Amino acid sequence: MADSCCAGKSGATALNDPRWRRILWIALVINAAMFGVEIVAGVAADSRALQADALDFLGDSANYAISLGVAGMALAWRARAALFKAVTMLAFGLWVFGSALWGFVAGTAPHAETMGIIGALALVANVVVALMLYRYRTGDANMRSVWICSRNDAIGNLAVMGAALGVFGTGQSWPDLAVAAIMAALAIWGSIEVFRHARGELTTSAT
């Protein structure tokens, strides 16, 4: 969809759009379901990348719920909600990075086939959500945070599938741990983007 299709839709108009709320509800249900699937598979396969992705699905579910809760509020409140989500994204990234470091010391090789299958399923789920949210990627900080989360998740799923191939080919755990570290970096970078955008909106709303 062209950028011009999004440029004409102001943040206020989009917030009152029933389609925006409907998409968030669908995204919330998809992410909650995928959390359940991935956390079970991640533990069973001993894959830190899958476990990290599962926690990301859980965090996104909470973020979508927050977005639904503040959708009709003033810009300053939506920006504060985005700041909170930036903090959660940062915390997730730091936790995953620490888990990856610990895995390099004590981890065992995960089950590559399970990683590949679940990673592909997660990719489909995140691509569906990202496509639904694409038109709202240039909205306010709250909308942008939702888009960034979905975009990062799809990238992370591709990385998980790549890690599955690496584990299958080498029989070692380092591809899984490397991808977990990459996912941590994506979460940290995304939190910085959302934080900057939200701070700008808070400054604008205060003037």
N, C-alpha and C. Protein backbone atom coordinates (compact mmCIF):
# COMPACT_ATOMS: atom_id res chain seq x y z
N MET A 1 0.84 -1.18 0.00
CA MET A 1 0.00 0.00 0.00
C MET A 1 0.88 1.23 0.00
N ALA A 2 0.59 2.19 -0.84
CA ALA A 2 1.42 3.37 -0.99
C ALA A 2 1.36 4.23 0.25
N ASP A 3 2.44 5.03 0.47
CA ASP A 3 2.49 5.90 1.63
C ASP A 3 1.39 6.94 1.58
N SER A 4 0.99 7.37 0.37
CA SER A 4 -0.03 8.40 0.25
C SER A 4 -1.37 7.92 0.82
N CYS A 5 -1.60 6.63 0.83
CA CYS A 5 -2.85 6.11 1.38
C CYS A 5 -2.89 6.30 2.88
N CYS A 6 -1.72 6.36 3.51
CA CYS A 6 -1.66 6.53 4.95
C CYS A 6 -1.56 8.00 5.33
N ALA A 7 -0.92 8.79 4.50
CA ALA A 7 -0.64 10.17 4.85
C ALA A 7 -1.90 10.97 5.07
N GLY A 8 -2.97 10.64 4.37
CA GLY A 8 -4.18 11.42 4.49
C GLY A 8 -5.00 11.06 5.70
N LYS A 9 -4.66 10.02 6.43
CA LYS A 9 -5.43 9.58 7.59
C LYS A 9 -4.74 10.08 8.84
N SER A 10 -5.32 11.10 9.49
CA SER A 10 -4.72 11.66 10.70
C SER A 10 -4.82 10.67 11.84
N GLY A 11 -4.01 10.93 12.91
CA GLY A 11 -4.06 10.05 14.06
C GLY A 11 -5.44 10.00 14.67
N ALA A 12 -6.09 11.17 14.76
CA ALA A 12 -7.42 11.21 15.38
C ALA A 12 -8.43 10.41 14.58
N THR A 13 -8.38 10.54 13.24
CA THR A 13 -9.31 9.80 12.39
C THR A 13 -9.11 8.31 12.53
N ALA A 14 -7.86 7.89 12.52
CA ALA A 14 -7.56 6.46 12.62
C ALA A 14 -8.01 5.90 13.96
N LEU A 15 -7.85 6.69 15.02
CA LEU A 15 -8.22 6.20 16.34
C LEU A 15 -9.71 5.92 16.44
N ASN A 16 -10.52 6.67 15.67
CA ASN A 16 -11.96 6.47 15.69
C ASN A 16 -12.41 5.48 14.62
N ASP A 17 -11.48 4.90 13.93
CA ASP A 17 -11.77 3.95 12.86
C ASP A 17 -12.07 2.58 13.48
N PRO A 18 -13.28 2.05 13.31
CA PRO A 18 -13.59 0.72 13.86
C PRO A 18 -12.65 -0.35 13.33
N ARG A 19 -12.14 -0.14 12.11
CA ARG A 19 -11.23 -1.13 11.54
C ARG A 19 -9.94 -1.23 12.37
N TRP A 20 -9.44 -0.08 12.85
CA TRP A 20 -8.23 -0.08 13.67
C TRP A 20 -8.43 -0.91 14.94
N ARG A 21 -9.55 -0.70 15.61
CA ARG A 21 -9.83 -1.47 16.82
C ARG A 21 -10.02 -2.95 16.52
N ARG A 22 -10.70 -3.25 15.41
CA ARG A 22 -10.93 -4.64 15.04
C ARG A 22 -9.60 -5.34 14.75
N ILE A 23 -8.70 -4.65 14.05
CA ILE A 23 -7.39 -5.22 13.75
C ILE A 23 -6.62 -5.50 15.04
N LEU A 24 -6.68 -4.57 15.99
CA LEU A 24 -5.98 -4.77 17.26
C LEU A 24 -6.52 -5.99 18.01
N TRP A 25 -7.84 -6.16 17.99
CA TRP A 25 -8.42 -7.33 18.65
C TRP A 25 -7.96 -8.63 17.99
N ILE A 26 -7.96 -8.64 16.65
CA ILE A 26 -7.49 -9.83 15.93
C ILE A 26 -6.02 -10.10 16.25
N ALA A 27 -5.21 -9.03 16.24
CA ALA A 27 -3.78 -9.17 16.54
C ALA A 27 -3.57 -9.69 17.96
N LEU A 28 -4.38 -9.21 18.90
CA LEU A 28 -4.27 -9.65 20.28
C LEU A 28 -4.54 -11.15 20.40
N VAL A 29 -5.60 -11.62 19.76
CA VAL A 29 -5.96 -13.04 19.82
C VAL A 29 -4.87 -13.90 19.17
N ILE A 30 -4.37 -13.48 18.00
CA ILE A 30 -3.33 -14.24 17.31
C ILE A 30 -2.08 -14.34 18.17
N ASN A 31 -1.66 -13.22 18.76
CA ASN A 31 -0.44 -13.20 19.55
C ASN A 31 -0.57 -14.03 20.82
N ALA A 32 -1.74 -13.96 21.48
CA ALA A 32 -1.94 -14.74 22.69
C ALA A 32 -1.89 -16.24 22.38
N ALA A 33 -2.51 -16.63 21.25
CA ALA A 33 -2.50 -18.04 20.86
C ALA A 33 -1.09 -18.51 20.53
N MET A 34 -0.34 -17.66 19.81
CA MET A 34 1.02 -18.05 19.43
C MET A 34 1.95 -18.09 20.63
N PHE A 35 1.69 -17.28 21.65
CA PHE A 35 2.49 -17.38 22.87
C PHE A 35 2.38 -18.78 23.46
N GLY A 36 1.14 -19.28 23.57
CA GLY A 36 0.93 -20.61 24.11
C GLY A 36 1.63 -21.68 23.31
N VAL A 37 1.53 -21.58 21.99
CA VAL A 37 2.15 -22.59 21.11
C VAL A 37 3.67 -22.53 21.24
N GLU A 38 4.24 -21.33 21.19
CA GLU A 38 5.70 -21.20 21.15
C GLU A 38 6.38 -21.49 22.48
N ILE A 39 5.74 -21.12 23.59
CA ILE A 39 6.40 -21.36 24.87
C ILE A 39 6.48 -22.86 25.14
N VAL A 40 5.42 -23.60 24.78
CA VAL A 40 5.45 -25.06 24.96
C VAL A 40 6.50 -25.68 24.04
N ALA A 41 6.50 -25.25 22.76
CA ALA A 41 7.46 -25.80 21.81
C ALA A 41 8.89 -25.40 22.15
N GLY A 42 9.07 -24.16 22.62
CA GLY A 42 10.41 -23.68 22.96
C GLY A 42 11.02 -24.46 24.11
N VAL A 43 10.21 -24.75 25.13
CA VAL A 43 10.70 -25.53 26.26
C VAL A 43 10.97 -26.97 25.83
N ALA A 44 10.05 -27.54 25.04
CA ALA A 44 10.22 -28.92 24.58
C ALA A 44 11.45 -29.08 23.70
N ALA A 45 11.71 -28.06 22.86
CA ALA A 45 12.85 -28.13 21.93
C ALA A 45 14.14 -27.59 22.53
N ASP A 46 14.07 -27.03 23.76
CA ASP A 46 15.22 -26.42 24.41
C ASP A 46 15.82 -25.31 23.55
N SER A 47 14.91 -24.52 22.95
CA SER A 47 15.34 -23.42 22.07
C SER A 47 15.10 -22.08 22.75
N ARG A 48 16.19 -21.37 23.02
CA ARG A 48 16.05 -20.05 23.63
C ARG A 48 15.48 -19.04 22.64
N ALA A 49 15.74 -19.23 21.36
CA ALA A 49 15.17 -18.33 20.36
C ALA A 49 13.65 -18.45 20.33
N LEU A 50 13.13 -19.68 20.38
CA LEU A 50 11.68 -19.88 20.41
C LEU A 50 11.08 -19.35 21.71
N GLN A 51 11.75 -19.58 22.83
CA GLN A 51 11.24 -19.07 24.10
C GLN A 51 11.21 -17.55 24.10
N ALA A 52 12.25 -16.94 23.54
CA ALA A 52 12.30 -15.48 23.45
C ALA A 52 11.17 -14.96 22.57
N ASP A 53 10.94 -15.65 21.46
CA ASP A 53 9.87 -15.23 20.56
C ASP A 53 8.51 -15.41 21.22
N ALA A 54 8.36 -16.46 22.03
CA ALA A 54 7.10 -16.68 22.75
C ALA A 54 6.83 -15.53 23.72
N LEU A 55 7.85 -15.12 24.47
CA LEU A 55 7.68 -14.01 25.39
C LEU A 55 7.38 -12.72 24.64
N ASP A 56 7.94 -12.60 23.44
CA ASP A 56 7.64 -11.43 22.61
C ASP A 56 6.17 -11.43 22.21
N PHE A 57 5.62 -12.60 21.87
CA PHE A 57 4.19 -12.70 21.57
C PHE A 57 3.35 -12.27 22.78
N LEU A 58 3.78 -12.70 23.97
CA LEU A 58 3.06 -12.32 25.18
C LEU A 58 3.11 -10.81 25.39
N GLY A 59 4.30 -10.23 25.22
CA GLY A 59 4.45 -8.79 25.36
C GLY A 59 3.61 -8.02 24.36
N ASP A 60 3.56 -8.52 23.12
CA ASP A 60 2.76 -7.86 22.10
C ASP A 60 1.28 -7.93 22.42
N SER A 61 0.84 -9.06 22.98
CA SER A 61 -0.56 -9.16 23.38
C SER A 61 -0.91 -8.08 24.40
N ALA A 62 -0.03 -7.88 25.36
CA ALA A 62 -0.24 -6.83 26.36
C ALA A 62 -0.22 -5.46 25.70
N ASN A 63 0.68 -5.26 24.75
CA ASN A 63 0.77 -3.97 24.06
C ASN A 63 -0.50 -3.67 23.27
N TYR A 64 -1.05 -4.68 22.61
CA TYR A 64 -2.28 -4.47 21.85
C TYR A 64 -3.43 -4.12 22.80
N ALA A 65 -3.45 -4.78 23.96
CA ALA A 65 -4.49 -4.48 24.95
C ALA A 65 -4.36 -3.04 25.44
N ILE A 66 -3.13 -2.60 25.68
CA ILE A 66 -2.90 -1.21 26.10
C ILE A 66 -3.34 -0.24 25.01
N SER A 67 -3.01 -0.55 23.77
CA SER A 67 -3.39 0.32 22.65
C SER A 67 -4.90 0.44 22.54
N LEU A 68 -5.60 -0.66 22.74
CA LEU A 68 -7.07 -0.61 22.73
C LEU A 68 -7.59 0.25 23.87
N GLY A 69 -6.93 0.18 25.02
CA GLY A 69 -7.39 0.92 26.18
C GLY A 69 -7.22 2.42 26.05
N VAL A 70 -6.17 2.87 25.33
CA VAL A 70 -5.90 4.31 25.24
C VAL A 70 -6.30 4.89 23.89
N ALA A 71 -6.91 4.07 23.02
CA ALA A 71 -7.18 4.51 21.64
C ALA A 71 -8.00 5.79 21.58
N GLY A 72 -8.96 6.00 22.49
CA GLY A 72 -9.81 7.17 22.43
C GLY A 72 -9.34 8.32 23.29
N MET A 73 -8.17 8.19 23.93
CA MET A 73 -7.69 9.21 24.84
C MET A 73 -6.91 10.29 24.10
N ALA A 74 -6.56 11.35 24.84
CA ALA A 74 -5.81 12.46 24.26
C ALA A 74 -4.41 12.01 23.86
N LEU A 75 -3.77 12.80 22.99
CA LEU A 75 -2.46 12.46 22.46
C LEU A 75 -1.44 12.24 23.57
N ALA A 76 -1.47 13.07 24.62
CA ALA A 76 -0.49 12.95 25.70
C ALA A 76 -0.59 11.59 26.39
N TRP A 77 -1.81 11.10 26.61
CA TRP A 77 -1.99 9.80 27.25
C TRP A 77 -1.56 8.67 26.33
N ARG A 78 -1.84 8.81 25.03
CA ARG A 78 -1.38 7.78 24.08
C ARG A 78 0.14 7.75 24.03
N ALA A 79 0.77 8.93 24.11
CA ALA A 79 2.22 8.98 24.10
C ALA A 79 2.81 8.37 25.36
N ARG A 80 2.17 8.58 26.50
CA ARG A 80 2.63 7.96 27.75
C ARG A 80 2.51 6.43 27.68
N ALA A 81 1.44 5.95 27.07
CA ALA A 81 1.30 4.51 26.89
C ALA A 81 2.41 3.97 26.00
N ALA A 82 2.77 4.73 24.97
CA ALA A 82 3.86 4.32 24.08
C ALA A 82 5.19 4.30 24.83
N LEU A 83 5.40 5.26 25.73
CA LEU A 83 6.61 5.26 26.55
C LEU A 83 6.68 4.01 27.42
N PHE A 84 5.55 3.63 28.00
CA PHE A 84 5.50 2.41 28.81
C PHE A 84 5.86 1.19 27.96
N LYS A 85 5.33 1.15 26.74
CA LYS A 85 5.63 0.02 25.86
C LYS A 85 7.10 0.01 25.46
N ALA A 86 7.70 1.21 25.31
CA ALA A 86 9.12 1.28 24.99
C ALA A 86 9.95 0.67 26.13
N VAL A 87 9.54 0.94 27.36
CA VAL A 87 10.24 0.37 28.51
C VAL A 87 10.11 -1.16 28.52
N THR A 88 8.91 -1.68 28.22
CA THR A 88 8.73 -3.13 28.21
C THR A 88 9.54 -3.78 27.08
N MET A 89 9.60 -3.11 25.92
CA MET A 89 10.41 -3.64 24.82
C MET A 89 11.88 -3.68 25.22
N LEU A 90 12.34 -2.63 25.91
CA LEU A 90 13.74 -2.59 26.36
C LEU A 90 14.01 -3.69 27.37
N ALA A 91 13.08 -3.88 28.32
CA ALA A 91 13.26 -4.92 29.33
C ALA A 91 13.30 -6.31 28.69
N PHE A 92 12.42 -6.54 27.71
CA PHE A 92 12.41 -7.81 26.99
C PHE A 92 13.75 -8.04 26.29
N GLY A 93 14.25 -7.00 25.62
CA GLY A 93 15.51 -7.13 24.90
C GLY A 93 16.67 -7.46 25.81
N LEU A 94 16.72 -6.79 26.97
CA LEU A 94 17.81 -7.05 27.92
C LEU A 94 17.71 -8.46 28.50
N TRP A 95 16.47 -8.91 28.78
CA TRP A 95 16.30 -10.26 29.33
C TRP A 95 16.75 -11.31 28.32
N VAL A 96 16.33 -11.15 27.06
CA VAL A 96 16.70 -12.12 26.03
C VAL A 96 18.21 -12.14 25.83
N PHE A 97 18.83 -10.95 25.85
CA PHE A 97 20.27 -10.88 25.67
C PHE A 97 20.98 -11.62 26.81
N GLY A 98 20.50 -11.42 28.04
CA GLY A 98 21.09 -12.13 29.17
C GLY A 98 20.89 -13.63 29.07
N SER A 99 19.71 -14.05 28.60
CA SER A 99 19.43 -15.47 28.43
C SER A 99 20.36 -16.09 27.38
N ALA A 100 20.60 -15.34 26.31
CA ALA A 100 21.51 -15.84 25.27
C ALA A 100 22.92 -16.00 25.80
N LEU A 101 23.38 -15.03 26.60
CA LEU A 101 24.72 -15.13 27.18
C LEU A 101 24.82 -16.36 28.09
N TRP A 102 23.78 -16.59 28.89
CA TRP A 102 23.78 -17.76 29.77
C TRP A 102 23.77 -19.05 28.95
N GLY A 103 23.05 -19.04 27.83
CA GLY A 103 22.99 -20.22 26.99
C GLY A 103 24.33 -20.59 26.39
N PHE A 104 25.16 -19.58 26.10
CA PHE A 104 26.49 -19.87 25.57
C PHE A 104 27.33 -20.65 26.59
N VAL A 105 27.01 -20.45 27.87
CA VAL A 105 27.76 -21.12 28.92
C VAL A 105 27.19 -22.50 29.22
N ALA A 106 25.85 -22.59 29.31
CA ALA A 106 25.24 -23.82 29.83
C ALA A 106 24.27 -24.50 28.87
N GLY A 107 24.07 -23.96 27.67
CA GLY A 107 23.04 -24.48 26.78
C GLY A 107 23.43 -25.77 26.08
N THR A 108 22.38 -26.49 25.62
CA THR A 108 22.57 -27.68 24.80
C THR A 108 21.92 -27.42 23.43
N ALA A 109 22.25 -28.25 22.46
CA ALA A 109 21.72 -28.06 21.11
C ALA A 109 20.21 -28.29 21.09
N PRO A 110 19.42 -27.33 20.59
CA PRO A 110 17.96 -27.49 20.54
C PRO A 110 17.53 -28.41 19.41
N HIS A 111 16.22 -28.71 19.35
CA HIS A 111 15.67 -29.58 18.33
C HIS A 111 15.36 -28.74 17.09
N ALA A 112 16.15 -28.92 16.05
CA ALA A 112 16.08 -28.05 14.87
C ALA A 112 14.74 -28.15 14.15
N GLU A 113 14.19 -29.38 14.03
CA GLU A 113 12.94 -29.55 13.28
C GLU A 113 11.80 -28.79 13.94
N THR A 114 11.71 -28.86 15.26
CA THR A 114 10.66 -28.13 15.97
C THR A 114 10.84 -26.64 15.79
N MET A 115 12.08 -26.16 15.87
CA MET A 115 12.35 -24.74 15.66
C MET A 115 11.86 -24.28 14.29
N GLY A 116 12.15 -25.07 13.27
CA GLY A 116 11.77 -24.69 11.91
C GLY A 116 10.26 -24.63 11.72
N ILE A 117 9.57 -25.66 12.20
CA ILE A 117 8.11 -25.73 12.02
C ILE A 117 7.41 -24.61 12.78
N ILE A 118 7.76 -24.43 14.04
CA ILE A 118 7.11 -23.40 14.85
C ILE A 118 7.51 -22.01 14.37
N GLY A 119 8.77 -21.87 13.96
CA GLY A 119 9.21 -20.58 13.42
C GLY A 119 8.43 -20.19 12.18
N ALA A 120 8.15 -21.16 11.30
CA ALA A 120 7.37 -20.88 10.09
C ALA A 120 5.93 -20.50 10.44
N LEU A 121 5.34 -21.20 11.41
CA LEU A 121 3.99 -20.88 11.85
C LEU A 121 3.93 -19.47 12.45
N ALA A 122 4.92 -19.13 13.26
CA ALA A 122 4.97 -17.80 13.86
C ALA A 122 5.15 -16.73 12.79
N LEU A 123 5.95 -17.03 11.76
CA LEU A 123 6.16 -16.07 10.68
C LEU A 123 4.85 -15.76 9.98
N VAL A 124 4.07 -16.80 9.67
CA VAL A 124 2.78 -16.59 9.01
C VAL A 124 1.89 -15.70 9.87
N ALA A 125 1.84 -15.99 11.17
CA ALA A 125 1.00 -15.20 12.08
C ALA A 125 1.43 -13.74 12.10
N ASN A 126 2.74 -13.49 12.19
CA ASN A 126 3.22 -12.12 12.28
C ASN A 126 3.09 -11.36 10.97
N VAL A 127 3.26 -12.04 9.84
CA VAL A 127 3.09 -11.38 8.55
C VAL A 127 1.64 -10.96 8.36
N VAL A 128 0.70 -11.82 8.76
CA VAL A 128 -0.72 -11.47 8.68
C VAL A 128 -1.01 -10.22 9.50
N VAL A 129 -0.50 -10.18 10.74
CA VAL A 129 -0.73 -9.02 11.60
C VAL A 129 -0.04 -7.78 11.03
N ALA A 130 1.19 -7.92 10.56
CA ALA A 130 1.92 -6.77 10.01
C ALA A 130 1.22 -6.19 8.79
N LEU A 131 0.69 -7.04 7.93
CA LEU A 131 -0.03 -6.56 6.75
C LEU A 131 -1.29 -5.81 7.15
N MET A 132 -1.98 -6.29 8.17
CA MET A 132 -3.18 -5.60 8.63
C MET A 132 -2.85 -4.22 9.21
N LEU A 133 -1.67 -4.11 9.86
CA LEU A 133 -1.30 -2.87 10.53
C LEU A 133 -0.52 -1.91 9.62
N TYR A 134 -0.17 -2.32 8.42
CA TYR A 134 0.74 -1.55 7.57
C TYR A 134 0.24 -0.12 7.33
N ARG A 135 -1.03 0.05 7.09
CA ARG A 135 -1.55 1.38 6.76
C ARG A 135 -1.47 2.35 7.93
N TYR A 136 -1.27 1.83 9.14
CA TYR A 136 -1.22 2.68 10.33
C TYR A 136 0.21 2.91 10.83
N ARG A 137 1.21 2.54 10.04
CA ARG A 137 2.59 2.60 10.49
C ARG A 137 3.09 4.03 10.67
N THR A 138 2.44 5.03 10.06
CA THR A 138 2.88 6.42 10.16
C THR A 138 1.96 7.22 11.06
N GLY A 139 1.19 6.55 11.93
CA GLY A 139 0.31 7.26 12.85
C GLY A 139 1.07 7.80 14.04
N ASP A 140 0.37 7.98 15.18
CA ASP A 140 1.03 8.51 16.37
C ASP A 140 1.98 7.46 16.96
N ALA A 141 2.64 7.84 18.08
CA ALA A 141 3.64 6.95 18.67
C ALA A 141 3.04 5.62 19.08
N ASN A 142 1.79 5.65 19.55
CA ASN A 142 1.14 4.41 19.97
C ASN A 142 0.93 3.47 18.79
N MET A 143 0.42 4.02 17.67
CA MET A 143 0.24 3.22 16.46
C MET A 143 1.58 2.73 15.92
N ARG A 144 2.56 3.64 15.94
CA ARG A 144 3.87 3.27 15.41
C ARG A 144 4.50 2.15 16.24
N SER A 145 4.29 2.19 17.56
CA SER A 145 4.86 1.15 18.40
C SER A 145 4.26 -0.22 18.06
N VAL A 146 2.97 -0.24 17.75
CA VAL A 146 2.31 -1.50 17.37
C VAL A 146 2.90 -2.02 16.07
N TRP A 147 3.09 -1.13 15.09
CA TRP A 147 3.66 -1.52 13.81
C TRP A 147 5.09 -2.03 13.97
N ILE A 148 5.90 -1.31 14.77
CA ILE A 148 7.30 -1.70 14.96
C ILE A 148 7.39 -3.08 15.59
N CYS A 149 6.52 -3.35 16.58
CA CYS A 149 6.52 -4.67 17.22
C CYS A 149 6.25 -5.77 16.19
N SER A 150 5.24 -5.56 15.35
CA SER A 150 4.87 -6.57 14.36
C SER A 150 5.97 -6.75 13.32
N ARG A 151 6.56 -5.64 12.88
CA ARG A 151 7.65 -5.71 11.91
C ARG A 151 8.83 -6.48 12.49
N ASN A 152 9.23 -6.13 13.71
CA ASN A 152 10.36 -6.82 14.34
C ASN A 152 10.09 -8.31 14.53
N ASP A 153 8.83 -8.63 14.86
CA ASP A 153 8.48 -10.04 15.08
C ASP A 153 8.65 -10.86 13.80
N ALA A 154 8.21 -10.31 12.67
CA ALA A 154 8.35 -11.03 11.40
C ALA A 154 9.82 -11.25 11.06
N ILE A 155 10.65 -10.21 11.30
CA ILE A 155 12.09 -10.35 11.06
C ILE A 155 12.67 -11.41 11.99
N GLY A 156 12.22 -11.39 13.25
CA GLY A 156 12.71 -12.36 14.21
C GLY A 156 12.35 -13.79 13.83
N ASN A 157 11.16 -13.99 13.27
CA ASN A 157 10.75 -15.33 12.85
C ASN A 157 11.63 -15.85 11.72
N LEU A 158 11.98 -14.99 10.78
CA LEU A 158 12.90 -15.39 9.71
C LEU A 158 14.24 -15.81 10.31
N ALA A 159 14.67 -15.07 11.31
CA ALA A 159 15.93 -15.40 11.97
C ALA A 159 15.85 -16.75 12.69
N VAL A 160 14.71 -17.03 13.33
CA VAL A 160 14.53 -18.31 14.01
C VAL A 160 14.62 -19.46 13.02
N MET A 161 13.99 -19.29 11.86
CA MET A 161 14.06 -20.33 10.84
C MET A 161 15.48 -20.52 10.34
N GLY A 162 16.21 -19.40 10.21
CA GLY A 162 17.62 -19.51 9.83
C GLY A 162 18.43 -20.23 10.90
N ALA A 163 18.10 -19.95 12.17
CA ALA A 163 18.79 -20.63 13.26
C ALA A 163 18.52 -22.12 13.23
N ALA A 164 17.27 -22.51 12.90
CA ALA A 164 16.93 -23.92 12.82
C ALA A 164 17.80 -24.62 11.78
N LEU A 165 18.02 -23.97 10.65
CA LEU A 165 18.90 -24.54 9.63
C LEU A 165 20.33 -24.65 10.14
N GLY A 166 20.76 -23.62 10.88
CA GLY A 166 22.11 -23.63 11.42
C GLY A 166 22.30 -24.73 12.44
N VAL A 167 21.32 -24.92 13.31
CA VAL A 167 21.41 -25.99 14.32
C VAL A 167 21.40 -27.35 13.64
N PHE A 168 20.53 -27.50 12.63
CA PHE A 168 20.45 -28.77 11.90
C PHE A 168 21.76 -29.08 11.21
N GLY A 169 22.40 -28.07 10.64
CA GLY A 169 23.63 -28.29 9.89
C GLY A 169 24.85 -28.50 10.75
N THR A 170 24.89 -27.85 11.92
CA THR A 170 26.08 -27.92 12.77
C THR A 170 25.92 -28.85 13.97
N GLY A 171 24.66 -29.10 14.37
CA GLY A 171 24.43 -29.91 15.56
C GLY A 171 24.82 -29.20 16.84
N GLN A 172 24.99 -27.87 16.78
CA GLN A 172 25.40 -27.09 17.92
C GLN A 172 24.34 -26.04 18.26
N SER A 173 24.48 -25.43 19.43
CA SER A 173 23.46 -24.48 19.90
C SER A 173 23.72 -23.04 19.49
N TRP A 174 24.93 -22.72 19.01
CA TRP A 174 25.26 -21.31 18.81
C TRP A 174 24.36 -20.59 17.81
N PRO A 175 23.83 -21.24 16.73
CA PRO A 175 22.92 -20.48 15.86
C PRO A 175 21.64 -20.04 16.59
N ASP A 176 21.12 -20.90 17.45
CA ASP A 176 19.94 -20.58 18.24
C ASP A 176 20.22 -19.41 19.18
N LEU A 177 21.37 -19.43 19.83
CA LEU A 177 21.73 -18.38 20.78
C LEU A 177 22.04 -17.07 20.07
N ALA A 178 22.66 -17.17 18.88
CA ALA A 178 22.96 -15.96 18.12
C ALA A 178 21.68 -15.26 17.70
N VAL A 179 20.68 -16.04 17.28
CA VAL A 179 19.40 -15.45 16.87
C VAL A 179 18.70 -14.82 18.07
N ALA A 180 18.77 -15.47 19.23
CA ALA A 180 18.19 -14.88 20.44
C ALA A 180 18.82 -13.52 20.72
N ALA A 181 20.14 -13.41 20.51
CA ALA A 181 20.82 -12.13 20.71
C ALA A 181 20.37 -11.09 19.68
N ILE A 182 20.16 -11.52 18.44
CA ILE A 182 19.68 -10.60 17.40
C ILE A 182 18.29 -10.09 17.75
N MET A 183 17.43 -10.99 18.23
CA MET A 183 16.08 -10.59 18.62
C MET A 183 16.13 -9.58 19.77
N ALA A 184 17.08 -9.77 20.67
CA ALA A 184 17.24 -8.81 21.76
C ALA A 184 17.63 -7.44 21.22
N ALA A 185 18.55 -7.43 20.24
CA ALA A 185 18.97 -6.16 19.64
C ALA A 185 17.81 -5.47 18.94
N LEU A 186 16.96 -6.23 18.24
CA LEU A 186 15.79 -5.66 17.58
C LEU A 186 14.84 -5.02 18.59
N ALA A 187 14.62 -5.70 19.70
CA ALA A 187 13.73 -5.16 20.72
C ALA A 187 14.29 -3.88 21.31
N ILE A 188 15.59 -3.85 21.57
CA ILE A 188 16.21 -2.65 22.14
C ILE A 188 16.16 -1.49 21.15
N TRP A 189 16.48 -1.75 19.88
CA TRP A 189 16.42 -0.71 18.87
C TRP A 189 15.00 -0.20 18.68
N GLY A 190 14.04 -1.11 18.65
CA GLY A 190 12.64 -0.71 18.51
C GLY A 190 12.19 0.15 19.67
N SER A 191 12.64 -0.18 20.89
CA SER A 191 12.25 0.62 22.05
C SER A 191 12.79 2.04 21.94
N ILE A 192 13.98 2.19 21.38
CA ILE A 192 14.55 3.52 21.20
C ILE A 192 13.73 4.34 20.20
N GLU A 193 13.30 3.70 19.10
CA GLU A 193 12.47 4.38 18.10
C GLU A 193 11.16 4.86 18.72
N VAL A 194 10.49 3.98 19.45
CA VAL A 194 9.22 4.33 20.06
C VAL A 194 9.40 5.43 21.10
N PHE A 195 10.47 5.34 21.90
CA PHE A 195 10.74 6.34 22.93
C PHE A 195 10.92 7.72 22.33
N ARG A 196 11.70 7.81 21.26
CA ARG A 196 11.94 9.10 20.62
C ARG A 196 10.65 9.70 20.07
N HIS A 197 9.86 8.88 19.42
CA HIS A 197 8.61 9.35 18.84
C HIS A 197 7.65 9.81 19.94
N ALA A 198 7.54 9.04 21.01
CA ALA A 198 6.62 9.38 22.10
C ALA A 198 7.06 10.65 22.81
N ARG A 199 8.36 10.82 23.04
CA ARG A 199 8.85 12.04 23.68
C ARG A 199 8.53 13.26 22.85
N GLY A 200 8.66 13.12 21.53
CA GLY A 200 8.31 14.22 20.64
C GLY A 200 6.85 14.60 20.74
N GLU A 201 5.98 13.61 20.85
CA GLU A 201 4.54 13.88 20.96
C GLU A 201 4.20 14.50 22.32
N LEU A 202 4.89 14.07 23.37
CA LEU A 202 4.65 14.69 24.68
C LEU A 202 5.06 16.15 24.66
N THR A 203 6.16 16.45 24.00
CA THR A 203 6.61 17.84 23.89
C THR A 203 5.61 18.67 23.11
N THR A 204 5.08 18.09 22.02
CA THR A 204 4.10 18.81 21.20
C THR A 204 2.81 19.06 21.96
N SER A 205 2.35 18.06 22.71
CA SER A 205 1.09 18.19 23.44
C SER A 205 1.19 19.19 24.59
N ALA A 206 2.43 19.43 25.07
CA ALA A 206 2.62 20.34 26.19
C ALA A 206 2.70 21.79 25.77
N THR A 207 2.88 22.02 24.45
CA THR A 207 3.02 23.39 23.96
C THR A 207 1.69 23.95 23.49
